[in-house]
C-alpha atoms as a PDB file:
ATOM      1  CA  MET A   1     110.862 -68.847-146.472  1.00  0.00           C
ATOM      2  CA  THR A   2     111.175 -72.180-147.360  1.00  0.00           C
ATOM      3  CA  SER A   3     113.220 -74.536-146.186  1.00  0.00           C
ATOM      4  CA  THR A   4     114.719 -77.286-148.350  1.00  0.00           C
ATOM      5  CA  PRO A   5     116.192 -80.641-147.009  1.00  0.00           C
ATOM      6  CA  LYS A   6     119.561 -81.596-147.506  1.00  0.00           C
ATOM      7  CA  GLY A   7     118.387 -84.961-149.299  1.00  0.00           C
ATOM      8  CA  THR A   8     121.814 -86.462-148.564  1.00  0.00           C
ATOM      9  CA  GLY A   9     120.945 -88.833-146.076  1.00  0.00           C
ATOM     10  CA  THR A  10     119.698 -92.573-146.725  1.00  0.00           C
ATOM     11  CA  LEU A  11     118.064 -94.332-143.383  1.00  0.00           C
ATOM     12  CA  SER A  12     118.338 -97.270-142.922  1.00  0.00           C
ATOM     13  CA  THR A  13     115.780 -99.923-141.815  1.00  0.00           C
ATOM     14  CA  SER A  14     116.449-103.242-139.453  1.00  0.00           C
ATOM     15  CA  PRO A  15     115.400-106.457-140.966  1.00  0.00           C
ATOM     16  CA  GLY A  16     112.894-107.884-139.480  1.00  0.00           C
ATOM     17  CA  ALA A  17     111.701-112.127-139.351  1.00  0.00           C
ATOM     18  CA  ARG A  18     109.754-113.062-142.009  1.00  0.00           C
ATOM     19  CA  TYR A  19     107.512-114.461-139.385  1.00  0.00           C
ATOM     20  CA  ALA A  20     106.262-114.579-135.398  1.00  0.00           C
ATOM     21  CA  ARG A  21     104.867-117.052-133.427  1.00  0.00           C
ATOM     22  CA  ILE A  22     104.108-117.771-129.708  1.00  0.00           C
ATOM     23  CA  MET A  23     107.423-120.440-128.382  1.00  0.00           C
ATOM     24  CA  GLY A  24     106.435-120.934-125.105  1.00  0.00           C
ATOM     25  CA  VAL A  25     103.495-119.533-122.092  1.00  0.00           C
ATOM     26  CA  GLY A  26     103.405-120.104-118.754  1.00  0.00           C
ATOM     27  CA  GLY A  27     100.662-118.424-116.162  1.00  0.00           C
ATOM     28  CA  TYR A  28     100.271-117.953-112.319  1.00  0.00           C
ATOM     29  CA  ARG A  29      97.355-119.075-110.506  1.00  0.00           C
ATOM     30  CA  PRO A  30      97.138-117.494-106.825  1.00  0.00           C
ATOM     31  CA  GLN A  31      96.346-119.969-104.155  1.00  0.00           C
ATOM     32  CA  ARG A  32      93.366-118.837-102.437  1.00  0.00           C
ATOM     33  CA  VAL A  33      90.182-120.152-104.085  1.00  0.00           C
ATOM     34  CA  ILE A  34      86.504-118.427-103.252  1.00  0.00           C
ATOM     35  CA  THR A  35      84.051-119.956-103.680  1.00  0.00           C
ATOM     36  CA  ASN A  36      80.638-118.660-105.333  1.00  0.00           C
ATOM     37  CA  GLU A  37      79.115-119.879-101.777  1.00  0.00           C
ATOM     38  CA  GLU A  38      81.618-117.282 -99.783  1.00  0.00           C
ATOM     39  CA  VAL A  39      80.779-114.818-102.758  1.00  0.00           C
ATOM     40  CA  CYS A  40      77.359-115.653-100.765  1.00  0.00           C
ATOM     41  CA  THR A  41      78.439-113.948 -97.782  1.00  0.00           C
ATOM     42  CA  TRP A  42      78.437-110.523 -99.152  1.00  0.00           C
ATOM     43  CA  ILE A  43      75.964-110.585-101.905  1.00  0.00           C
ATOM     44  CA  ASP A  44      72.632-111.640-101.896  1.00  0.00           C
ATOM     45  CA  SER A  45      72.968-114.535-104.278  1.00  0.00           C
ATOM     46  CA  SER A  46      73.504-118.673-104.546  1.00  0.00           C
ATOM     47  CA  ASP A  47      75.897-120.877-106.230  1.00  0.00           C
ATOM     48  CA  GLU A  48      72.933-121.775-108.915  1.00  0.00           C
ATOM     49  CA  TRP A  49      72.249-118.416-109.731  1.00  0.00           C
ATOM     50  CA  ILE A  50      76.174-117.679-110.111  1.00  0.00           C
ATOM     51  CA  ARG A  51      76.702-120.921-112.409  1.00  0.00           C
ATOM     52  CA  GLU A  52      73.643-120.262-114.138  1.00  0.00           C
ATOM     53  CA  ARG A  53      74.354-116.164-114.937  1.00  0.00           C
ATOM     54  CA  SER A  54      78.087-116.883-115.621  1.00  0.00           C
ATOM     55  CA  GLY A  55      79.232-120.601-115.039  1.00  0.00           C
ATOM     56  CA  ILE A  56      82.273-119.731-112.656  1.00  0.00           C
ATOM     57  CA  VAL A  57      81.858-121.938-109.660  1.00  0.00           C
ATOM     58  CA  SER A  58      84.871-120.809-107.444  1.00  0.00           C
ATOM     59  CA  ARG A  59      87.473-118.079-108.568  1.00  0.00           C
ATOM     60  CA  ARG A  60      91.298-116.743-107.148  1.00  0.00           C
ATOM     61  CA  TRP A  61      92.217-114.163-105.591  1.00  0.00           C
ATOM     62  CA  ALA A  62      95.498-112.879-104.587  1.00  0.00           C
ATOM     63  CA  ALA A  63      97.328-112.004-101.290  1.00  0.00           C
ATOM     64  CA  PRO A  64      97.185-108.607 -99.976  1.00  0.00           C
ATOM     65  CA  ASP A  65     101.197-108.088-100.768  1.00  0.00           C
ATOM     66  CA  GLU A  66     100.779-109.979-103.770  1.00  0.00           C
ATOM     67  CA  THR A  67     101.148-107.915-106.393  1.00  0.00           C
ATOM     68  CA  VAL A  68     100.642-107.692-110.554  1.00  0.00           C
ATOM     69  CA  VAL A  69     104.152-107.346-111.075  1.00  0.00           C
ATOM     70  CA  ASP A  70     104.200-110.636-108.441  1.00  0.00           C
ATOM     71  CA  MET A  71     102.196-112.804-110.456  1.00  0.00           C
ATOM     72  CA  SER A  72     103.580-111.530-113.358  1.00  0.00           C
ATOM     73  CA  GLU A  73     106.747-112.866-112.454  1.00  0.00           C
ATOM     74  CA  ALA A  74     105.447-116.473-112.132  1.00  0.00           C
ATOM     75  CA  ALA A  75     103.946-116.876-114.667  1.00  0.00           C
ATOM     76  CA  ALA A  76     106.868-115.610-116.995  1.00  0.00           C
ATOM     77  CA  ARG A  77     109.496-117.661-115.868  1.00  0.00           C
ATOM     78  CA  PRO A  78     108.215-120.623-117.083  1.00  0.00           C
ATOM     79  CA  ALA A  79     107.330-119.193-120.870  1.00  0.00           C
ATOM     80  CA  LEU A  80     110.450-117.988-121.336  1.00  0.00           C
ATOM     81  CA  GLU A  81     111.881-122.199-119.962  1.00  0.00           C
ATOM     82  CA  ALA A  82     108.622-123.349-121.871  1.00  0.00           C
ATOM     83  CA  ALA A  83     110.115-121.146-125.091  1.00  0.00           C
ATOM     84  CA  GLY A  84     114.143-122.337-124.857  1.00  0.00           C
ATOM     85  CA  ILE A  85     115.282-118.872-124.125  1.00  0.00           C
ATOM     86  CA  THR A  86     116.830-116.921-121.103  1.00  0.00           C
ATOM     87  CA  ALA A  87     115.322-113.109-120.403  1.00  0.00           C
ATOM     88  CA  ASP A  88     118.867-112.248-121.219  1.00  0.00           C
ATOM     89  CA  GLN A  89     117.300-112.740-124.175  1.00  0.00           C
ATOM     90  CA  LEU A  90     114.458-110.679-124.236  1.00  0.00           C
ATOM     91  CA  SER A  91     114.389-107.536-126.507  1.00  0.00           C
ATOM     92  CA  ALA A  92     110.796-105.996-124.965  1.00  0.00           C
ATOM     93  CA  VAL A  93     108.226-106.856-122.058  1.00  0.00           C
ATOM     94  CA  VAL A  94     104.523-105.804-123.364  1.00  0.00           C
ATOM     95  CA  VAL A  95     102.302-106.200-120.214  1.00  0.00           C
ATOM     96  CA  ALA A  96      98.719-106.045-120.481  1.00  0.00           C
ATOM     97  CA  THR A  97      96.976-104.802-117.344  1.00  0.00           C
ATOM     98  CA  VAL A  98      94.384-101.976-115.676  1.00  0.00           C
ATOM     99  CA  THR A  99      95.371-103.203-112.361  1.00  0.00           C
ATOM    100  CA  HIS A 100      98.327-101.808-111.469  1.00  0.00           C
ATOM    101  CA  PRO A 101      97.759-100.229-108.654  1.00  0.00           C
ATOM    102  CA  TYR A 102     100.391 -97.230-109.657  1.00  0.00           C
ATOM    103  CA  GLN A 103      99.628 -94.509-112.733  1.00  0.00           C
ATOM    104  CA  THR A 104     103.216 -94.474-112.964  1.00  0.00           C
ATOM    105  CA  PRO A 105     105.276 -96.121-113.810  1.00  0.00           C
ATOM    106  CA  ALA A 106     104.172 -98.920-115.437  1.00  0.00           C
ATOM    107  CA  ALA A 107     104.667-102.110-114.769  1.00  0.00           C
ATOM    108  CA  ALA A 108     107.003-103.821-117.183  1.00  0.00           C
ATOM    109  CA  PRO A 109     109.923-102.380-115.770  1.00  0.00           C
ATOM    110  CA  LEU A 110     110.019-103.233-113.095  1.00  0.00           C
ATOM    111  CA  LEU A 111     109.168-107.275-113.970  1.00  0.00           C
ATOM    112  CA  ALA A 112     111.844-106.560-117.090  1.00  0.00           C
ATOM    113  CA  THR A 113     114.545-105.831-114.652  1.00  0.00           C
ATOM    114  CA  ARG A 114     113.302-108.583-111.459  1.00  0.00           C
ATOM    115  CA  LEU A 115     113.864-111.188-114.760  1.00  0.00           C
ATOM    116  CA  GLY A 116     117.462-110.416-115.392  1.00  0.00           C
ATOM    117  CA  ALA A 117     116.591-107.948-118.979  1.00  0.00           C
ATOM    118  CA  ASN A 118     116.919-104.354-117.398  1.00  0.00           C
ATOM    119  CA  GLY A 119     117.483-101.872-120.049  1.00  0.00           C
ATOM    120  CA  VAL A 120     115.000-103.573-122.686  1.00  0.00           C
ATOM    121  CA  PRO A 121     111.886-100.741-123.386  1.00  0.00           C
ATOM    122  CA  ALA A 122     109.657-102.388-121.426  1.00  0.00           C
ATOM    123  CA  PHE A 123     106.059-100.978-121.613  1.00  0.00           C
ATOM    124  CA  ASP A 124     102.653-101.401-119.961  1.00  0.00           C
ATOM    125  CA  ILE A 125      99.168-101.670-122.324  1.00  0.00           C
ATOM    126  CA  SER A 126      95.720-100.653-121.028  1.00  0.00           C
ATOM    127  CA  ALA A 127      93.517-102.599-123.239  1.00  0.00           C
ATOM    128  CA  ALA A 128      90.955-104.624-120.681  1.00  0.00           C
ATOM    129  CA  CYS A 129      89.980-108.108-121.795  1.00  0.00           C
ATOM    130  CA  ALA A 130      91.274-108.009-125.158  1.00  0.00           C
ATOM    131  CA  GLY A 131      94.963-106.591-123.613  1.00  0.00           C
ATOM    132  CA  TYR A 132      96.238-110.321-124.152  1.00  0.00           C
ATOM    133  CA  CYS A 133      96.015-110.444-128.184  1.00  0.00           C
ATOM    134  CA  HIS A 134      96.477-106.705-128.144  1.00  0.00           C
ATOM    135  CA  ALA A 135      99.719-107.465-127.135  1.00  0.00           C
ATOM    136  CA  ILE A 136     100.181-110.256-129.502  1.00  0.00           C
ATOM    137  CA  SER A 137      99.515-108.197-131.960  1.00  0.00           C
ATOM    138  CA  ILE A 138     102.325-105.717-131.418  1.00  0.00           C
ATOM    139  CA  ALA A 139     104.805-108.588-130.157  1.00  0.00           C
ATOM    140  CA  SER A 140     104.921-110.098-133.944  1.00  0.00           C
ATOM    141  CA  ASP A 141     104.936-106.469-135.337  1.00  0.00           C
ATOM    142  CA  MET A 142     107.420-106.444-133.844  1.00  0.00           C
ATOM    143  CA  VAL A 143     109.494-109.119-134.476  1.00  0.00           C
ATOM    144  CA  ARG A 144     108.536-108.835-138.180  1.00  0.00           C
ATOM    145  CA  GLY A 145     109.519-105.476-138.419  1.00  0.00           C
ATOM    146  CA  GLY A 146     113.358-105.780-137.210  1.00  0.00           C
ATOM    147  CA  SER A 147     112.540-104.324-133.858  1.00  0.00           C
ATOM    148  CA  ALA A 148     112.283-107.064-131.310  1.00  0.00           C
ATOM    149  CA  GLU A 149     113.751-110.670-131.539  1.00  0.00           C
ATOM    150  CA  HIS A 150     112.199-112.031-128.437  1.00  0.00           C
ATOM    151  CA  VAL A 151     109.690-110.268-126.672  1.00  0.00           C
ATOM    152  CA  LEU A 152     108.079-111.190-123.104  1.00  0.00           C
ATOM    153  CA  VAL A 153     103.364-110.722-123.139  1.00  0.00           C
ATOM    154  CA  ILE A 154     102.488-110.456-120.144  1.00  0.00           C
ATOM    155  CA  GLY A 155      98.576-110.523-119.351  1.00  0.00           C
ATOM    156  CA  VAL A 156      97.911-109.845-115.642  1.00  0.00           C
ATOM    157  CA  GLU A 157      94.903-108.854-113.305  1.00  0.00           C
ATOM    158  CA  LYS A 158      94.680-108.179-109.656  1.00  0.00           C
ATOM    159  CA  LEU A 159      90.894-107.738-109.620  1.00  0.00           C
ATOM    160  CA  SER A 160      90.292-108.449-106.974  1.00  0.00           C
ATOM    161  CA  ALA A 161      91.696-104.936-105.397  1.00  0.00           C
ATOM    162  CA  PHE A 162      89.534-103.115-107.750  1.00  0.00           C
ATOM    163  CA  THR A 163      85.663-105.318-106.854  1.00  0.00           C
ATOM    164  CA  ASP A 164      83.161-104.428-104.676  1.00  0.00           C
ATOM    165  CA  GLU A 165      82.325-107.500-102.463  1.00  0.00           C
ATOM    166  CA  HIS A 166      78.727-106.356-101.638  1.00  0.00           C
ATOM    167  CA  ASP A 167      78.419-105.415-105.086  1.00  0.00           C
ATOM    168  CA  ARG A 168      75.520-108.279-106.665  1.00  0.00           C
ATOM    169  CA  GLY A 169      76.268-107.418-110.619  1.00  0.00           C
ATOM    170  CA  THR A 170      80.069-107.410-110.241  1.00  0.00           C
ATOM    171  CA  ALA A 171      80.942-109.445-106.546  1.00  0.00           C
ATOM    172  CA  PHE A 172      80.948-113.007-107.570  1.00  0.00           C
ATOM    173  CA  ILE A 173      83.082-112.542-111.836  1.00  0.00           C
ATOM    174  CA  PHE A 174      86.688-111.551-111.577  1.00  0.00           C
ATOM    175  CA  GLY A 175      89.705-113.225-110.517  1.00  0.00           C
ATOM    176  CA  ASP A 176      93.303-112.739-110.020  1.00  0.00           C
ATOM    177  CA  GLY A 177      96.075-114.007-111.924  1.00  0.00           C
ATOM    178  CA  ALA A 178      98.755-114.089-114.640  1.00  0.00           C
ATOM    179  CA  GLY A 179      99.500-115.607-118.256  1.00  0.00           C
ATOM    180  CA  ALA A 180     102.549-115.318-120.432  1.00  0.00           C
ATOM    181  CA  ALA A 181     103.768-115.824-123.512  1.00  0.00           C
ATOM    182  CA  VAL A 182     106.941-115.556-125.325  1.00  0.00           C
ATOM    183  CA  VAL A 183     106.923-114.406-129.403  1.00  0.00           C
ATOM    184  CA  GLY A 184     109.199-114.908-131.577  1.00  0.00           C
ATOM    185  CA  PRO A 185     110.404-115.870-135.200  1.00  0.00           C
ATOM    186  CA  SER A 186     109.411-118.267-137.297  1.00  0.00           C
ATOM    187  CA  ASP A 187     110.263-119.273-140.811  1.00  0.00           C
ATOM    188  CA  HIS A 188     106.618-120.385-141.506  1.00  0.00           C
ATOM    189  CA  ALA A 189     103.146-118.147-140.359  1.00  0.00           C
ATOM    190  CA  ALA A 190     102.291-118.763-136.990  1.00  0.00           C
ATOM    191  CA  ILE A 191     100.404-115.601-135.853  1.00  0.00           C
ATOM    192  CA  GLY A 192      97.461-114.749-138.222  1.00  0.00           C
ATOM    193  CA  PRO A 193      96.554-110.739-139.216  1.00  0.00           C
ATOM    194  CA  THR A 194      94.627-109.043-135.979  1.00  0.00           C
ATOM    195  CA  VAL A 195      91.770-108.039-136.346  1.00  0.00           C
ATOM    196  CA  TRP A 196      90.446-104.951-133.429  1.00  0.00           C
ATOM    197  CA  GLY A 197      88.735-102.438-132.718  1.00  0.00           C
ATOM    198  CA  SER A 198      87.079-100.155-130.517  1.00  0.00           C
ATOM    199  CA  ASP A 199      83.618 -98.944-130.154  1.00  0.00           C
ATOM    200  CA  GLY A 200      83.601 -95.976-127.664  1.00  0.00           C
ATOM    201  CA  THR A 201      79.595 -95.483-128.244  1.00  0.00           C
ATOM    202  CA  HIS A 202      79.825 -97.405-124.595  1.00  0.00           C
ATOM    203  CA  TRP A 203      82.182 -96.354-122.887  1.00  0.00           C
ATOM    204  CA  GLU A 204      81.085 -96.636-119.268  1.00  0.00           C
ATOM    205  CA  THR A 205      79.677-100.342-120.459  1.00  0.00           C
ATOM    206  CA  ILE A 206      83.171-101.013-118.029  1.00  0.00           C
ATOM    207  CA  MET A 207      84.179 -98.522-116.015  1.00  0.00           C
ATOM    208  CA  GLN A 208      86.339 -97.448-112.956  1.00  0.00           C
ATOM    209  CA  LYS A 209      83.431 -95.613-110.700  1.00  0.00           C
ATOM    210  CA  GLU A 210      84.732 -92.716-110.236  1.00  0.00           C
ATOM    211  CA  PRO A 211      87.877 -91.016-111.420  1.00  0.00           C
ATOM    212  CA  TRP A 212      90.692 -91.576-109.672  1.00  0.00           C
ATOM    213  CA  THR A 213      91.109 -86.942-110.163  1.00  0.00           C
ATOM    214  CA  ASP A 214      87.281 -87.318-108.418  1.00  0.00           C
ATOM    215  CA  VAL A 215      88.211 -89.235-105.824  1.00  0.00           C
ATOM    216  CA  ARG A 216      91.613 -87.089-104.693  1.00  0.00           C
ATOM    217  CA  ARG A 217      89.112 -83.877-105.114  1.00  0.00           C
ATOM    218  CA  GLU A 218      86.691 -85.020-102.082  1.00  0.00           C
ATOM    219  CA  TRP A 219      90.260 -86.220-100.050  1.00  0.00           C
ATOM    220  CA  GLN A 220      90.908 -82.345-100.675  1.00  0.00           C
ATOM    221  CA  ALA A 221      87.592 -81.158 -99.895  1.00  0.00           C
ATOM    222  CA  GLU A 222      88.578 -82.881 -96.497  1.00  0.00           C
ATOM    223  CA  ALA A 223      91.351 -81.861 -95.928  1.00  0.00           C
ATOM    224  CA  ALA A 224      90.194 -78.085 -97.001  1.00  0.00           C
ATOM    225  CA  ALA A 225      87.319 -78.059 -94.230  1.00  0.00           C
ATOM    226  CA  ASP A 226      89.462 -79.216 -91.735  1.00  0.00           C
ATOM    227  CA  ALA A 227      88.088 -82.667 -91.051  1.00  0.00           C
ATOM    228  CA  PRO A 228      90.180 -85.208 -89.310  1.00  0.00           C
ATOM    229  CA  THR A 229      91.504 -87.810 -91.301  1.00  0.00           C
ATOM    230  CA  SER A 230      88.318 -89.665 -89.727  1.00  0.00           C
ATOM    231  CA  ALA A 231      86.344 -88.252 -91.223  1.00  0.00           C
ATOM    232  CA  ILE A 232      87.480 -89.711 -94.845  1.00  0.00           C
ATOM    233  CA  ASP A 233      85.066 -92.224 -95.801  1.00  0.00           C
ATOM    234  CA  PRO A 234      86.703 -95.049 -96.029  1.00  0.00           C
ATOM    235  CA  ALA A 235      83.497 -97.515 -97.229  1.00  0.00           C
ATOM    236  CA  LYS A 236      83.137 -94.506 -99.570  1.00  0.00           C
ATOM    237  CA  THR A 237      86.464 -94.939-101.589  1.00  0.00           C
ATOM    238  CA  TYR A 238      86.567 -98.112-102.142  1.00  0.00           C
ATOM    239  CA  ALA A 239      82.873 -98.485-103.474  1.00  0.00           C
ATOM    240  CA  ALA A 240      84.052 -94.615-105.857  1.00  0.00           C
ATOM    241  CA  THR A 241      87.572 -96.899-107.388  1.00  0.00           C
ATOM    242  CA  SER A 242      86.014 -99.583-107.672  1.00  0.00           C
ATOM    243  CA  LEU A 243      84.470-101.469-110.938  1.00  0.00           C
ATOM    244  CA  ALA A 244      81.245-101.210-112.289  1.00  0.00           C
ATOM    245  CA  MET A 245      79.719-103.250-115.359  1.00  0.00           C
ATOM    246  CA  ALA A 246      75.942-102.913-117.319  1.00  0.00           C
ATOM    247  CA  GLY A 247      76.220-106.633-117.537  1.00  0.00           C
ATOM    248  CA  PRO A 248      73.170-106.835-119.909  1.00  0.00           C
ATOM    249  CA  SER A 249      74.524-104.379-121.968  1.00  0.00           C
ATOM    250  CA  VAL A 250      78.186-106.019-122.398  1.00  0.00           C
ATOM    251  CA  PHE A 251      76.435-109.432-122.622  1.00  0.00           C
ATOM    252  CA  ARG A 252      73.790-108.623-125.778  1.00  0.00           C
ATOM    253  CA  TRP A 253      77.362-106.374-127.227  1.00  0.00           C
ATOM    254  CA  ALA A 254      79.917-109.432-127.221  1.00  0.00           C
ATOM    255  CA  VAL A 255      77.057-111.497-127.986  1.00  0.00           C
ATOM    256  CA  TRP A 256      76.036-110.253-131.244  1.00  0.00           C
ATOM    257  CA  GLN A 257      79.012-108.669-132.171  1.00  0.00           C
ATOM    258  CA  MET A 258      81.983-110.682-131.156  1.00  0.00           C
ATOM    259  CA  ALA A 259      80.798-113.599-133.465  1.00  0.00           C
ATOM    260  CA  PRO A 260      81.472-111.962-136.096  1.00  0.00           C
ATOM    261  CA  VAL A 261      85.322-110.624-135.847  1.00  0.00           C
ATOM    262  CA  ALA A 262      86.481-114.000-134.337  1.00  0.00           C
ATOM    263  CA  GLN A 263      85.161-115.110-138.241  1.00  0.00           C
ATOM    264  CA  GLN A 264      86.926-112.470-139.638  1.00  0.00           C
ATOM    265  CA  ALA A 265      89.758-113.558-138.025  1.00  0.00           C
ATOM    266  CA  ILE A 266      89.369-116.726-139.088  1.00  0.00           C
ATOM    267  CA  ASP A 267      88.981-115.436-143.057  1.00  0.00           C
ATOM    268  CA  ALA A 268      91.436-113.057-142.380  1.00  0.00           C
ATOM    269  CA  ALA A 269      93.761-116.468-141.942  1.00  0.00           C
ATOM    270  CA  GLY A 270      92.929-117.592-144.468  1.00  0.00           C
ATOM    271  CA  ILE A 271      91.297-121.113-142.138  1.00  0.00           C
ATOM    272  CA  THR A 272      88.258-121.915-141.962  1.00  0.00           C
ATOM    273  CA  ALA A 273      86.097-123.224-139.017  1.00  0.00           C
ATOM    274  CA  GLY A 274      86.950-126.975-139.531  1.00  0.00           C
ATOM    275  CA  ASP A 275      90.899-126.283-140.077  1.00  0.00           C
ATOM    276  CA  LEU A 276      91.014-125.019-136.209  1.00  0.00           C
ATOM    277  CA  ASP A 277      91.636-127.519-132.806  1.00  0.00           C
ATOM    278  CA  VAL A 278      90.890-125.320-130.683  1.00  0.00           C
ATOM    279  CA  PHE A 279      88.845-121.802-129.817  1.00  0.00           C
ATOM    280  CA  ILE A 280      89.892-119.775-127.058  1.00  0.00           C
ATOM    281  CA  PRO A 281      87.577-116.869-126.103  1.00  0.00           C
ATOM    282  CA  HIS A 282      88.262-114.428-123.550  1.00  0.00           C
ATOM    283  CA  GLN A 283      86.167-115.631-120.049  1.00  0.00           C
ATOM    284  CA  ALA A 284      84.226-113.092-119.679  1.00  0.00           C
ATOM    285  CA  ASN A 285      81.003-115.728-119.303  1.00  0.00           C
ATOM    286  CA  MET A 286      79.918-119.329-120.022  1.00  0.00           C
ATOM    287  CA  ARG A 287      76.934-118.250-121.940  1.00  0.00           C
ATOM    288  CA  ILE A 288      78.752-115.872-124.091  1.00  0.00           C
ATOM    289  CA  ILE A 289      81.258-118.427-125.081  1.00  0.00           C
ATOM    290  CA  ASP A 290      78.818-121.323-126.252  1.00  0.00           C
ATOM    291  CA  ALA A 291      76.289-118.101-127.980  1.00  0.00           C
ATOM    292  CA  MET A 292      79.917-117.660-130.714  1.00  0.00           C
ATOM    293  CA  ILE A 293      80.433-121.118-130.504  1.00  0.00           C
ATOM    294  CA  LYS A 294      76.873-121.252-131.277  1.00  0.00           C
ATOM    295  CA  GLN A 295      77.294-117.961-134.098  1.00  0.00           C
ATOM    296  CA  LEU A 296      80.757-119.995-135.305  1.00  0.00           C
ATOM    297  CA  LYS A 297      78.901-123.146-136.565  1.00  0.00           C
ATOM    298  CA  LEU A 298      82.027-124.196-134.932  1.00  0.00           C
ATOM    299  CA  PRO A 299      82.360-128.286-135.371  1.00  0.00           C
ATOM    300  CA  ALA A 300      81.095-129.921-132.446  1.00  0.00           C
ATOM    301  CA  ASP A 301      84.463-131.803-131.603  1.00  0.00           C
ATOM    302  CA  ILE A 302      86.877-128.749-131.651  1.00  0.00           C
ATOM    303  CA  PRO A 303      87.799-128.077-127.979  1.00  0.00           C
ATOM    304  CA  VAL A 304      86.983-124.767-126.130  1.00  0.00           C
ATOM    305  CA  ALA A 305      88.722-123.242-123.500  1.00  0.00           C
ATOM    306  CA  ARG A 306      86.528-123.203-120.149  1.00  0.00           C
ATOM    307  CA  ASP A 307      88.318-122.229-117.714  1.00  0.00           C
ATOM    308  CA  ILE A 308      86.208-119.595-116.437  1.00  0.00           C
ATOM    309  CA  ALA A 309      84.755-122.529-114.402  1.00  0.00           C
ATOM    310  CA  GLU A 310      87.100-122.529-111.659  1.00  0.00           C
ATOM    311  CA  THR A 311      89.326-118.848-112.304  1.00  0.00           C
ATOM    312  CA  GLY A 312      86.938-116.623-112.554  1.00  0.00           C
ATOM    313  CA  ASN A 313      87.113-113.382-115.993  1.00  0.00           C
ATOM    314  CA  THR A 314      91.133-112.229-114.863  1.00  0.00           C
ATOM    315  CA  SER A 315      90.362-109.814-118.032  1.00  0.00           C
ATOM    316  CA  ALA A 316      94.028-109.547-119.822  1.00  0.00           C
ATOM    317  CA  ALA A 317      94.577-112.412-118.339  1.00  0.00           C
ATOM    318  CA  SER A 318      91.986-115.176-118.612  1.00  0.00           C
ATOM    319  CA  ILE A 319      93.392-116.341-122.392  1.00  0.00           C
ATOM    320  CA  PRO A 320      97.007-117.008-121.787  1.00  0.00           C
ATOM    321  CA  LEU A 321      95.582-118.742-118.590  1.00  0.00           C
ATOM    322  CA  ALA A 322      93.186-120.927-120.534  1.00  0.00           C
ATOM    323  CA  THR A 323      95.852-121.672-123.082  1.00  0.00           C
ATOM    324  CA  GLU A 324      98.330-122.887-120.413  1.00  0.00           C
ATOM    325  CA  ARG A 325      96.083-124.579-119.470  1.00  0.00           C
ATOM    326  CA  MET A 326      94.623-126.461-122.111  1.00  0.00           C
ATOM    327  CA  LEU A 327      98.115-126.724-123.555  1.00  0.00           C
ATOM    328  CA  ARG A 328      99.524-128.489-119.919  1.00  0.00           C
ATOM    329  CA  GLU A 329      96.784-131.194-120.022  1.00  0.00           C
ATOM    330  CA  GLY A 330      96.436-132.108-123.185  1.00  0.00           C
ATOM    331  CA  GLU A 331      93.001-130.906-124.487  1.00  0.00           C
ATOM    332  CA  ALA A 332      94.666-128.640-127.199  1.00  0.00           C
ATOM    333  CA  PRO A 333      97.490-130.120-129.239  1.00  0.00           C
ATOM    334  CA  HIS A 334     101.514-128.747-129.541  1.00  0.00           C
ATOM    335  CA  GLY A 335     101.057-127.189-132.900  1.00  0.00           C
ATOM    336  CA  GLY A 336      97.368-126.640-132.849  1.00  0.00           C
ATOM    337  CA  LEU A 337      95.487-123.927-134.554  1.00  0.00           C
ATOM    338  CA  ALA A 338      93.703-121.118-132.343  1.00  0.00           C
ATOM    339  CA  LEU A 339      91.463-119.274-132.472  1.00  0.00           C
ATOM    340  CA  GLN A 340      91.666-116.573-130.000  1.00  0.00           C
ATOM    341  CA  ILE A 341      89.224-112.884-129.148  1.00  0.00           C
ATOM    342  CA  GLY A 342      89.315-111.272-126.294  1.00  0.00           C
ATOM    343  CA  PHE A 343      86.727-108.009-125.494  1.00  0.00           C
ATOM    344  CA  GLY A 344      85.937-105.864-122.845  1.00  0.00           C
ATOM    345  CA  ALA A 345      86.244-102.070-121.163  1.00  0.00           C
ATOM    346  CA  GLY A 346      86.415 -99.472-124.378  1.00  0.00           C
ATOM    347  CA  LEU A 347      84.845-101.385-125.912  1.00  0.00           C
ATOM    348  CA  ALA A 348      88.042-102.943-127.283  1.00  0.00           C
ATOM    349  CA  TYR A 349      88.440-106.207-128.746  1.00  0.00           C
ATOM    350  CA  ALA A 350      90.639-108.493-131.374  1.00  0.00           C
ATOM    351  CA  ALA A 351      91.226-111.817-132.161  1.00  0.00           C
ATOM    352  CA  GLN A 352      93.634-113.283-133.867  1.00  0.00           C
ATOM    353  CA  VAL A 353      94.473-117.282-135.499  1.00  0.00           C
ATOM    354  CA  VAL A 354      97.728-118.306-133.867  1.00  0.00           C
ATOM    355  CA  GLU A 355      99.693-121.533-133.708  1.00  0.00           C
ATOM    356  CA  LEU A 356     100.224-123.456-130.475  1.00  0.00           C
ATOM    357  CA  PRO A 357     103.658-123.208-129.248  1.00  0.00           C
END
């Protein structure tokens, strides 16, 4: 028997803004500075080698009891102030992170409550180093689609909690921090189309060494064997739950595949490279940044974010942190056009041209 719809109801939709913009940004950097010299007490390396291979001089690490929610809150408050709104005017909170330590619940609902925005839709997304650009795109679509008026976007990581200090391939790379942006309605186009995608054929190039299910299974096996708690090797668990990266493969992918994505974002925005006021790529590696500048043929006078030198690779936090610093230090103009591109584990990527607040 075939059912027939009544056909008596007409759905209504929520009218959205024609355009969206970034209204304000904020950043938070933990107090502890980890120098290359300190890193070299854990691994067989040198300050010279680390600088040459990555461009990193130092990075920030959060305190042991400092959480991704703590850092997110510290970045969100100045972003709200810069945007000229209060937390009770938020319509949604989107947190981009891969280092919230709980499988569930997400970090965003707790952050919303702490800020005074309890009750709004709040959720996390996981797109690693591309997370912030993904979240900006989602927030822009929400504002223009009518499901939100003001969206708080957070990019935050506590990568130190998932870094094996004795892994020579990753110990010197990662840092901690949080960046925030408030996205709201605009009377003109201020967030360009997002060019984004993924490549699962390289899924294993950046990943947690072992899934939590395997780690739990090992613990259960120890328990079933009536082994004492002390028999569970903490060093083994520490290494298994740390991040691993096939550095050369990631480097080649980023250098050769991401510049065309960035160019597509420029083209989609209807501008040329010469129209840009600043280039803010994910702070993965200084050599990757230099290679992208060359491939994009950016004019020599365009400022380029190089926050990685003192912040390290902070994954989802790197672009908003670099943006906040460049605006604060006068290196990027308020109201200028910025090309931002994030790329990392997944492999995932996203790029767009935005007008700076």
